[in-house]
């Protein structure tokens, strides 16, 4: 995977906060989050899936831990990358938004940046084309 085994503790603290904010931002529905990190040690990626309604979030504990680990590594400033969240809403609509990992921060992408990120192959940069009916949204702020 090419990632450090133990990011600093303060990065874990912040990653848990960011993960909670991500869940809040997601709202009700079924969500798929893809994360990618690129650094001198290599490339790592992770995906999480969760469903939530007004009362609870359903997510695998292992996926939650892995997501927090990836976020902690992203906060180290040694890696760049991002995450994109695809949401399947209860009204049948689908949307995408995303965040960049830069300089130890999580920066929201606007809808045009989300479109570029979601419609490009992360390894080749080649355009893959938009999906009909998929809404590209401005990502909410989730960092401190």
Protein backbone atom coordinates (compact mmCIF):
# COMPACT_ATOMS: atom_id res chain seq x y z
CA UNK A 1 0.00 0.00 0.00
CA UNK A 2 2.93 2.38 0.48
CA UNK A 3 1.48 4.27 3.46
CA UNK A 4 3.13 4.94 6.82
CA UNK A 5 2.05 2.45 9.49
CA UNK A 6 1.41 5.06 12.17
CA UNK A 7 0.43 8.63 11.33
CA UNK A 8 0.80 11.03 14.28
CA UNK A 9 -1.91 10.84 16.94
CA UNK A 10 -3.15 14.38 16.28
CA UNK A 11 -3.88 13.38 12.69
CA UNK A 12 -6.06 10.52 13.96
CA UNK A 13 -7.98 12.93 16.18
CA UNK A 14 -8.62 15.25 13.23
CA UNK A 15 -9.46 12.33 10.94
CA UNK A 16 -12.22 11.16 13.28
CA UNK A 17 -13.65 14.68 13.28
CA UNK A 18 -13.45 14.82 9.46
CA UNK A 19 -15.11 11.43 9.16
CA UNK A 20 -17.97 12.55 11.42
CA UNK A 21 -18.36 15.72 9.33
CA UNK A 22 -18.38 13.59 6.15
CA UNK A 23 -21.22 11.49 7.56
CA UNK A 24 -23.16 14.63 8.53
CA UNK A 25 -22.63 16.12 5.06
CA UNK A 26 -23.78 12.92 3.35
CA UNK A 27 -27.29 13.03 4.79
CA UNK A 28 -29.84 10.31 4.20
CA UNK A 29 -29.31 7.76 1.47
CA UNK A 30 -26.73 5.22 0.38
CA UNK A 31 -23.22 6.55 -0.15
CA UNK A 32 -20.04 5.30 -1.78
CA UNK A 33 -16.81 7.18 -1.00
CA UNK A 34 -13.64 6.53 -3.01
CA UNK A 35 -10.34 7.85 -1.60
CA UNK A 36 -6.95 7.98 -3.29
CA UNK A 37 -3.58 9.14 -1.94
CA UNK A 38 -0.38 9.61 -3.93
CA UNK A 39 3.03 10.19 -2.35
CA UNK A 40 6.68 9.29 -2.59
CA UNK A 41 5.93 5.89 -1.02
CA UNK A 42 3.33 5.07 -3.66
CA UNK A 43 -0.40 5.11 -4.27
CA UNK A 44 -3.14 3.92 -1.92
CA UNK A 45 -6.87 3.81 -2.38
CA UNK A 46 -9.82 2.90 -0.23
CA UNK A 47 -13.57 2.76 -0.62
CA UNK A 48 -16.30 2.87 1.97
CA UNK A 49 -20.00 2.29 1.66
CA UNK A 50 -22.63 3.34 4.14
CA UNK A 51 -26.33 3.94 4.40
CA UNK A 52 -27.97 6.38 6.71
CA UNK A 53 -31.37 7.64 7.64
CA UNK A 54 -32.54 10.19 10.18
CA UNK A 55 -31.79 7.84 13.07
CA UNK A 56 -28.65 5.86 12.30
CA UNK A 57 -25.67 5.16 10.07
CA UNK A 58 -25.02 1.64 8.84
CA UNK A 59 -21.31 1.12 8.09
CA UNK A 60 -18.85 -1.67 8.60
CA UNK A 61 -16.61 -0.85 11.59
CA UNK A 62 -13.59 -1.99 9.55
CA UNK A 63 -14.48 0.42 6.72
CA UNK A 64 -14.88 3.28 9.23
CA UNK A 65 -11.45 2.54 10.75
CA UNK A 66 -9.83 2.32 7.29
CA UNK A 67 -11.43 5.61 6.27
CA UNK A 68 -10.12 7.35 9.39
CA UNK A 69 -6.66 5.87 8.77
CA UNK A 70 -6.64 7.17 5.17
CA UNK A 71 -7.79 10.60 6.37
CA UNK A 72 -5.06 10.63 9.04
CA UNK A 73 -2.44 9.88 6.38
CA UNK A 74 -3.91 12.56 4.08
CA UNK A 75 -3.52 15.12 6.88
CA UNK A 76 0.22 14.41 7.07
CA UNK A 77 0.95 16.70 4.07
CA UNK A 78 3.16 13.98 2.59
CA UNK A 79 0.40 12.83 0.26
CA UNK A 80 -1.96 14.46 -2.22
CA UNK A 81 -5.17 13.04 -3.54
CA UNK A 82 -8.81 13.26 -2.71
CA UNK A 83 -12.11 11.60 -2.17
CA UNK A 84 -15.32 11.54 -4.15
CA UNK A 85 -18.70 10.67 -2.67
CA UNK A 86 -21.47 9.26 -4.84
CA UNK A 87 -24.86 9.38 -3.14
CA UNK A 88 -28.04 7.51 -3.96
CA UNK A 89 -30.87 9.55 -2.46
CA UNK A 90 -34.24 8.20 -1.30
CA UNK A 91 -36.01 10.22 -4.02
CA UNK A 92 -34.19 8.22 -6.70
CA UNK A 93 -31.67 10.95 -7.59
CA UNK A 94 -27.91 10.40 -7.66
CA UNK A 95 -25.23 12.98 -6.94
CA UNK A 96 -21.45 13.31 -6.71
CA UNK A 97 -19.25 15.72 -4.76
CA UNK A 98 -15.60 15.63 -3.77
CA UNK A 99 -12.69 16.94 -1.73
CA UNK A 100 -8.98 17.36 -2.43
CA UNK A 101 -6.24 16.49 0.05
CA UNK A 102 -3.65 19.28 -0.14
CA UNK A 103 -1.12 20.58 2.37
CA UNK A 104 -2.67 18.57 5.19
CA UNK A 105 -6.16 19.97 4.57
CA UNK A 106 -9.38 18.67 3.07
CA UNK A 107 -10.58 21.20 0.50
CA UNK A 108 -14.07 20.99 -1.00
CA UNK A 109 -14.36 20.82 -4.78
CA UNK A 110 -16.94 22.85 -6.65
CA UNK A 111 -19.27 21.03 -9.03
CA UNK A 112 -16.99 21.56 -12.05
CA UNK A 113 -14.01 20.11 -10.19
CA UNK A 114 -16.18 17.17 -9.02
CA UNK A 115 -17.20 16.59 -12.64
CA UNK A 116 -13.54 16.58 -13.74
CA UNK A 117 -12.52 14.26 -10.89
CA UNK A 118 -15.39 11.83 -11.40
CA UNK A 119 -15.20 11.78 -15.19
CA UNK A 120 -11.43 11.25 -15.42
CA UNK A 121 -9.42 8.08 -14.92
CA UNK A 122 -7.26 8.80 -11.82
CA UNK A 123 -4.25 7.00 -13.27
CA UNK A 124 -4.30 8.09 -16.93
CA UNK A 125 -6.23 11.38 -16.71
CA UNK A 126 -8.32 10.21 -19.65
CA UNK A 127 -11.91 11.47 -19.76
CA UNK A 128 -14.51 8.77 -19.18
CA UNK A 129 -17.63 10.88 -19.84
CA UNK A 130 -20.52 11.94 -17.63
CA UNK A 131 -23.37 9.65 -16.64
CA UNK A 132 -26.87 10.73 -17.63
CA UNK A 133 -28.93 11.97 -14.69
CA UNK A 134 -25.99 12.22 -12.29
CA UNK A 135 -25.86 15.59 -10.51
CA UNK A 136 -22.45 17.09 -9.74
CA UNK A 137 -22.58 19.18 -6.57
CA UNK A 138 -20.39 21.63 -4.69
CA UNK A 139 -18.94 19.73 -1.74
CA UNK A 140 -19.65 21.02 1.75
CA UNK A 141 -16.81 22.18 3.98
CA UNK A 142 -15.84 19.38 6.36
CA UNK A 143 -12.45 20.54 7.69
CA UNK A 144 -11.78 22.55 10.84
